[in-house]
Protein backbone atom coordinates (compact mmCIF):
# COMPACT_ATOMS: atom_id res chain seq x y z
CA MET A 1 168.68 53.37 97.68
CA LYS A 2 167.00 49.97 97.97
CA TYR A 3 165.95 48.84 101.44
CA PRO A 4 167.90 45.70 102.84
CA PHE A 5 164.97 43.47 103.29
CA GLU A 6 162.16 41.93 101.25
CA PHE A 7 158.31 41.86 101.94
CA LYS A 8 156.48 38.60 101.60
CA PRO A 9 153.91 38.69 98.81
CA ASP A 10 150.38 37.57 98.90
CA ARG A 11 149.69 38.12 102.62
CA GLU A 12 146.15 38.77 103.79
CA PHE A 13 147.15 42.12 105.30
CA ASP A 14 149.72 44.69 104.23
CA VAL A 15 150.26 45.80 107.92
CA VAL A 16 149.15 44.39 111.30
CA GLY A 17 149.39 47.14 114.05
CA PHE A 18 149.84 46.23 117.64
CA GLY A 19 149.67 48.94 120.41
CA THR A 20 148.01 52.05 121.51
CA ASN A 21 144.67 53.56 120.70
CA ALA A 22 143.31 56.59 122.44
CA VAL A 23 140.70 59.19 122.58
CA ASP A 24 142.10 62.80 122.53
CA TYR A 25 140.60 65.87 124.11
CA LEU A 26 142.32 68.62 121.88
CA ILE A 27 142.35 72.02 123.51
CA THR A 28 143.60 74.98 121.42
CA VAL A 29 144.80 78.03 123.43
CA PRO A 30 146.02 81.40 122.26
CA ARG A 31 149.32 80.83 123.92
CA TYR A 32 150.71 78.12 126.12
CA PRO A 33 149.56 78.90 129.79
CA ASP A 34 152.13 79.98 132.47
CA PHE A 35 152.12 78.03 135.67
CA SER A 36 149.19 79.06 138.02
CA SER A 37 147.58 81.08 135.29
CA LYS A 38 144.19 81.16 133.58
CA VAL A 39 143.90 81.18 129.73
CA GLU A 40 140.56 81.21 127.86
CA LEU A 41 140.57 78.39 125.25
CA VAL A 42 140.00 79.06 121.59
CA ASP A 43 138.29 75.72 120.77
CA TYR A 44 138.28 72.09 121.77
CA VAL A 45 137.85 68.85 119.86
CA LEU A 46 137.10 65.36 120.99
CA ALA A 47 138.77 62.92 118.44
CA PRO A 48 140.25 59.34 118.18
CA GLY A 49 143.91 58.91 118.23
CA GLY A 50 146.68 56.72 119.64
CA GLU A 51 149.94 55.90 117.81
CA VAL A 52 149.27 52.48 116.29
CA ALA A 53 145.56 53.13 115.65
CA THR A 54 146.37 56.40 113.91
CA THR A 55 148.98 54.77 111.79
CA MET A 56 146.57 52.02 110.72
CA VAL A 57 144.05 54.59 109.66
CA GLY A 58 146.58 56.63 107.63
CA LEU A 59 147.77 53.48 105.76
CA GLN A 60 144.13 52.46 105.20
CA ARG A 61 143.49 55.88 103.57
CA LEU A 62 146.63 55.36 101.23
CA GLY A 63 144.96 52.14 100.05
CA LEU A 64 146.73 49.57 102.17
CA CYS A 65 144.94 46.62 103.94
CA THR A 66 145.44 46.88 107.70
CA SER A 67 144.45 45.10 110.94
CA TYR A 68 144.65 46.56 114.42
CA VAL A 69 145.23 44.54 117.61
CA GLY A 70 144.68 46.37 120.83
CA ARG A 71 142.22 46.84 123.71
CA PHE A 72 139.54 49.34 124.45
CA GLY A 73 137.74 49.98 127.67
CA ASP A 74 133.94 49.25 127.69
CA ASP A 75 133.20 52.97 128.07
CA ASP A 76 131.89 55.51 125.55
CA ALA A 77 135.48 56.33 124.55
CA GLY A 78 136.04 52.74 123.70
CA LYS A 79 133.14 52.60 121.39
CA LEU A 80 134.18 55.89 119.73
CA GLY A 81 137.69 54.49 119.19
CA ALA A 82 136.70 51.05 117.82
CA ASP A 83 133.95 52.58 115.61
CA SER A 84 136.44 55.08 114.14
CA LEU A 85 138.64 52.32 112.96
CA ALA A 86 135.80 50.23 111.54
CA ARG A 87 134.46 53.16 109.52
CA GLU A 88 137.94 53.58 107.93
CA GLY A 89 138.03 49.95 106.85
CA VAL A 90 140.65 48.86 109.38
CA ASP A 91 140.13 45.12 110.44
CA ILE A 92 139.43 45.07 114.24
CA THR A 93 138.63 41.37 114.46
CA ASN A 94 141.52 40.84 116.94
CA ALA A 95 140.83 44.11 118.92
CA GLY A 96 138.85 43.69 122.15
CA PHE A 97 137.01 45.46 124.95
CA VAL A 98 137.98 44.96 128.62
CA ALA A 99 135.06 45.10 131.20
CA GLY A 100 135.37 47.77 133.63
CA ALA A 101 138.37 49.29 132.06
CA LEU A 102 138.85 52.90 130.85
CA THR A 103 140.04 53.56 127.22
CA GLN A 104 143.21 55.40 127.11
CA ILE A 105 142.64 59.17 126.99
CA ALA A 106 144.94 62.24 126.29
CA PHE A 107 144.39 65.86 127.11
CA ILE A 108 146.38 67.81 124.49
CA VAL A 109 147.01 71.56 124.71
CA ILE A 110 147.84 73.11 121.41
CA ASP A 111 149.46 76.57 120.88
CA GLU A 112 147.26 78.30 118.35
CA VAL A 113 150.16 80.33 116.94
CA THR A 114 152.73 77.47 116.28
CA GLY A 115 150.45 74.29 116.38
CA GLU A 116 152.88 72.70 118.82
CA ARG A 117 151.17 70.60 121.52
CA THR A 118 151.72 69.17 124.96
CA VAL A 119 150.23 65.73 125.66
CA ILE A 120 148.97 64.63 129.10
CA TRP A 121 147.81 60.94 128.95
CA LYS A 122 146.67 58.05 131.01
CA ARG A 123 146.52 54.41 130.14
CA ASP A 124 144.52 51.87 132.20
CA ALA A 125 146.81 48.96 133.27
CA ARG A 126 144.00 46.57 132.53
CA LEU A 127 144.27 47.37 128.88
CA GLY A 128 147.76 45.69 128.76
CA TYR A 129 148.75 42.48 127.08
CA ARG A 130 150.82 39.47 128.32
CA PRO A 131 152.60 37.33 125.81
CA ILE A 132 149.96 34.63 126.05
CA ASP A 133 147.35 37.18 125.12
CA VAL A 134 148.82 38.02 121.79
CA PRO A 135 147.25 36.60 118.58
CA ILE A 136 150.76 35.83 117.23
CA GLU A 137 149.36 33.92 114.15
CA LEU A 138 148.54 37.31 112.71
CA ALA A 139 152.34 37.86 112.22
CA GLY A 140 152.30 35.42 109.45
CA ARG A 141 149.34 37.08 107.75
CA ALA A 142 150.87 40.42 107.19
CA ARG A 143 153.70 41.81 105.19
CA LEU A 144 154.74 44.13 108.10
CA LEU A 145 154.12 44.20 111.83
CA HIS A 146 154.12 47.62 113.33
CA LEU A 147 154.07 48.15 116.98
CA THR A 148 154.49 50.48 120.07
CA PRO A 149 156.36 48.95 123.01
CA HIS A 150 154.05 49.74 125.83
CA ASP A 151 153.67 45.90 126.54
CA VAL A 152 157.27 44.92 125.83
CA ASP A 153 157.08 41.20 126.60
CA ALA A 154 154.03 40.86 124.35
CA CYS A 155 155.80 42.78 121.62
CA ILE A 156 158.68 40.49 121.90
CA ALA A 157 156.56 37.38 121.48
CA PHE A 158 154.83 38.95 118.50
CA SER A 159 158.01 40.08 116.85
CA HIS A 160 159.75 36.65 117.46
CA GLU A 161 156.90 35.00 115.48
CA ALA A 162 157.09 37.84 112.80
CA LYS A 163 160.73 37.05 112.32
CA ALA A 164 160.18 33.35 112.08
CA MET A 165 157.41 33.99 109.31
CA GLY A 166 159.60 36.39 107.38
CA THR A 167 157.44 39.47 108.29
CA VAL A 168 159.17 42.86 108.50
CA VAL A 169 158.89 44.52 111.92
CA SER A 170 158.60 48.24 112.47
CA ILE A 171 158.44 50.14 115.80
CA ASP A 172 157.23 53.53 116.93
CA ILE A 173 159.18 54.54 120.06
CA ASP A 174 159.73 57.90 121.69
CA ASN A 175 160.72 56.84 125.27
CA LEU A 176 162.53 54.06 127.09
CA PHE A 177 160.80 50.96 128.48
CA ASP A 178 161.99 48.10 130.54
CA GLY A 179 163.13 45.29 128.27
CA ILE A 180 163.50 47.52 125.25
CA HIS A 181 167.11 46.16 124.62
CA ASP A 182 165.67 42.72 124.21
CA LEU A 183 163.03 43.95 121.71
CA LEU A 184 165.04 46.18 119.41
CA PRO A 185 167.22 43.39 117.95
CA LEU A 186 164.00 41.91 116.50
CA VAL A 187 163.04 45.15 114.82
CA ASP A 188 163.84 46.05 111.04
CA VAL A 189 162.66 49.56 110.90
CA LEU A 190 163.40 51.71 114.02
CA ILE A 191 162.15 55.34 113.77
CA THR A 192 162.30 57.40 116.96
CA SER A 193 161.93 60.96 118.14
CA SER A 194 165.10 63.22 117.91
CA GLU A 195 165.69 62.93 121.68
CA LEU A 196 165.54 59.18 122.11
CA PRO A 197 168.90 58.08 120.44
CA ALA A 198 171.02 59.94 123.05
CA LYS A 199 168.90 58.37 125.86
CA LEU A 200 169.20 54.94 124.31
CA THR A 201 172.93 55.03 123.50
CA GLY A 202 174.50 57.76 125.63
CA VAL A 203 175.92 59.32 122.63
CA GLU A 204 174.93 62.94 122.04
CA ASN A 205 175.90 63.29 118.49
CA LEU A 206 172.79 62.32 116.47
CA GLU A 207 174.57 60.76 113.51
CA LEU A 208 176.90 58.74 115.75
CA ALA A 209 174.04 57.77 117.85
CA LEU A 210 172.20 56.25 114.84
CA GLU A 211 175.27 54.53 113.79
CA HIS A 212 175.67 53.07 117.36
CA MET A 213 171.99 51.99 117.35
CA GLN A 214 172.34 50.13 114.04
CA SER A 215 175.50 48.47 115.29
CA GLU A 216 174.13 47.41 118.61
CA PHE A 217 170.61 46.28 117.45
CA GLY A 218 171.12 45.35 113.78
CA CYS A 219 168.06 47.11 112.58
CA ALA A 220 168.10 47.58 108.77
CA ILE A 221 166.79 51.04 108.92
CA VAL A 222 167.12 53.47 111.86
CA GLY A 223 166.13 57.17 111.78
CA VAL A 224 164.72 60.13 113.67
CA THR A 225 161.89 62.60 112.86
CA LEU A 226 163.05 66.18 113.05
CA GLY A 227 159.76 68.08 113.04
CA GLU A 228 159.52 70.79 110.36
CA ASN A 229 163.18 70.12 109.60
CA GLY A 230 162.36 66.69 108.10
CA SER A 231 164.12 63.48 108.95
CA LEU A 232 167.37 61.63 109.15
CA ILE A 233 167.67 57.98 108.21
CA ARG A 234 170.62 55.56 108.29
CA THR A 235 170.66 52.30 106.23
CA ASN A 236 173.18 50.37 104.28
CA GLY A 237 175.94 52.27 106.16
CA LYS A 238 174.75 55.69 104.68
CA LEU A 239 172.79 58.67 106.06
CA ILE A 240 169.96 60.05 104.22
CA TYR A 241 168.60 63.53 105.08
CA SER A 242 165.12 64.45 103.75
CA LYS A 243 163.93 67.95 104.30
CA GLY A 244 160.51 68.77 105.58
CA PHE A 245 157.51 70.31 103.87
CA ALA A 246 155.86 73.51 104.79
CA VAL A 247 152.28 72.80 105.97
CA PRO A 248 149.69 73.97 103.54
CA GLY A 249 147.78 76.98 105.08
CA GLY A 250 150.09 76.83 108.18
CA CYS A 251 150.47 74.37 111.08
CA LYS A 252 147.28 73.99 113.08
CA ASP A 253 148.35 70.94 115.24
CA THR A 254 151.38 68.65 115.52
CA THR A 255 149.51 65.87 117.32
CA GLY A 256 150.16 62.63 115.53
CA ALA A 257 152.83 64.02 113.16
CA GLY A 258 155.26 61.28 114.07
CA ASP A 259 152.67 58.61 113.62
CA SER A 260 151.93 60.28 110.21
CA PHE A 261 155.70 60.16 109.19
CA ARG A 262 155.48 56.42 109.81
CA VAL A 263 152.45 56.16 107.70
CA GLY A 264 154.25 57.70 104.75
CA LEU A 265 157.47 55.73 105.24
CA ILE A 266 155.64 52.38 105.62
CA TYR A 267 153.54 53.10 102.65
CA GLY A 268 156.50 54.00 100.49
CA LEU A 269 158.40 50.86 101.50
CA LEU A 270 155.45 48.60 100.82
CA ALA A 271 154.56 50.24 97.58
CA GLY A 272 158.21 49.49 96.35
CA TYR A 273 159.69 53.11 96.48
CA ASP A 274 163.32 53.44 97.48
CA ILE A 275 164.40 54.82 100.87
CA GLU A 276 164.73 58.41 99.63
CA ALA A 277 161.35 58.52 97.98
CA SER A 278 159.72 56.81 101.01
CA ALA A 279 161.34 59.36 103.42
CA THR A 280 159.98 62.25 101.20
CA MET A 281 156.43 60.73 101.37
CA ALA A 282 156.77 60.33 105.06
CA ASN A 283 157.58 64.03 105.56
CA ALA A 284 154.84 64.93 103.14
CA VAL A 285 152.15 62.85 105.04
CA ALA A 286 153.36 64.40 108.32
CA ALA A 287 153.07 67.94 106.83
CA LEU A 288 149.60 67.24 105.47
CA LYS A 289 148.33 65.83 108.83
CA CYS A 290 149.24 69.20 110.45
CA ARG A 291 146.64 71.03 108.36
CA ALA A 292 143.96 70.45 110.94
CA VAL A 293 143.52 69.71 114.58
CA GLY A 294 143.51 66.02 115.51
CA ALA A 295 145.87 63.09 114.92
CA ARG A 296 143.81 61.65 111.98
CA THR A 297 141.67 64.62 110.75
CA ALA A 298 143.85 65.56 107.83
CA LEU A 299 145.55 62.36 106.93
CA PRO A 300 145.73 62.29 103.22
CA THR A 301 144.47 59.91 100.49
CA VAL A 302 146.95 58.55 97.96
CA ASP A 303 145.75 61.09 95.30
CA GLU A 304 146.41 64.01 97.82
CA LEU A 305 149.76 62.69 98.77
CA SER A 306 150.81 62.12 95.17
CA GLN A 307 149.65 65.63 94.15
CA PHE A 308 151.42 67.29 97.08
CA VAL A 309 154.69 65.55 96.52
CA SER A 310 154.69 66.19 92.75
CA GLN A 311 154.16 69.88 93.31
CA LYS A 312 157.08 70.05 95.75
CA VAL A 313 159.63 68.09 94.05
């Protein structure tokens, strides 16, 4: 099925990302600890992450041209995060460092058996954006604007400019934020966690909740990630279920799996694939990411993705 919007050709960037970056402390344990217990860890890793920053890296590895807009603290973690993007080829001209602020961090506890994780995070308020801070001219220099709504008013300003310039808007959201009902009508591609539609609409049935979201907000594509079970997308009045892929070698870590899903979906849409093929790529990228600990460690190249999908189709 063809998607119900068009991408502007000949833009400087395929995707501009606006939102979160982080440095993750990933701690693997033999089992998730009980309350007031002690568990010896198996291993731990320090690695860059964050929803939008990770998505830009994933798209860059698939051959797209990306730019990241966000803020780092002027600490060692900030340098690590910014350098990790630059090494991948992501443009960080419009990213910045905030003097005295701490880069967003997350402590992530990973169950060794299942690869499932629990995230404990903190974002310094000084990293936030006001609408006046946003380099909105970038919206007209990209085919797609991808964002997280942690600074909702800034996202609204950025998205208004994107719509005026004919730029497609995509959002990564897994929780409710003040002002979100003003932002979502500006969004074309709305992919959420499976729990959010009920919170957003008050409708427990997932299929009906997606219909309600599309009717209320007018998003061209709405959908949810379903973990190992794949994804469910609604567009053009139809539901598209795409089953998940088994993780090669077993799941080591689900951190960033949702971000990786969006990598595959955005890549597929921008590369001209239909919705079904793009959803298949999204599930494939998410599965490949889970091969190793860390949000970005095992994000695939385009050759890896193509080979993996062709073997499974």
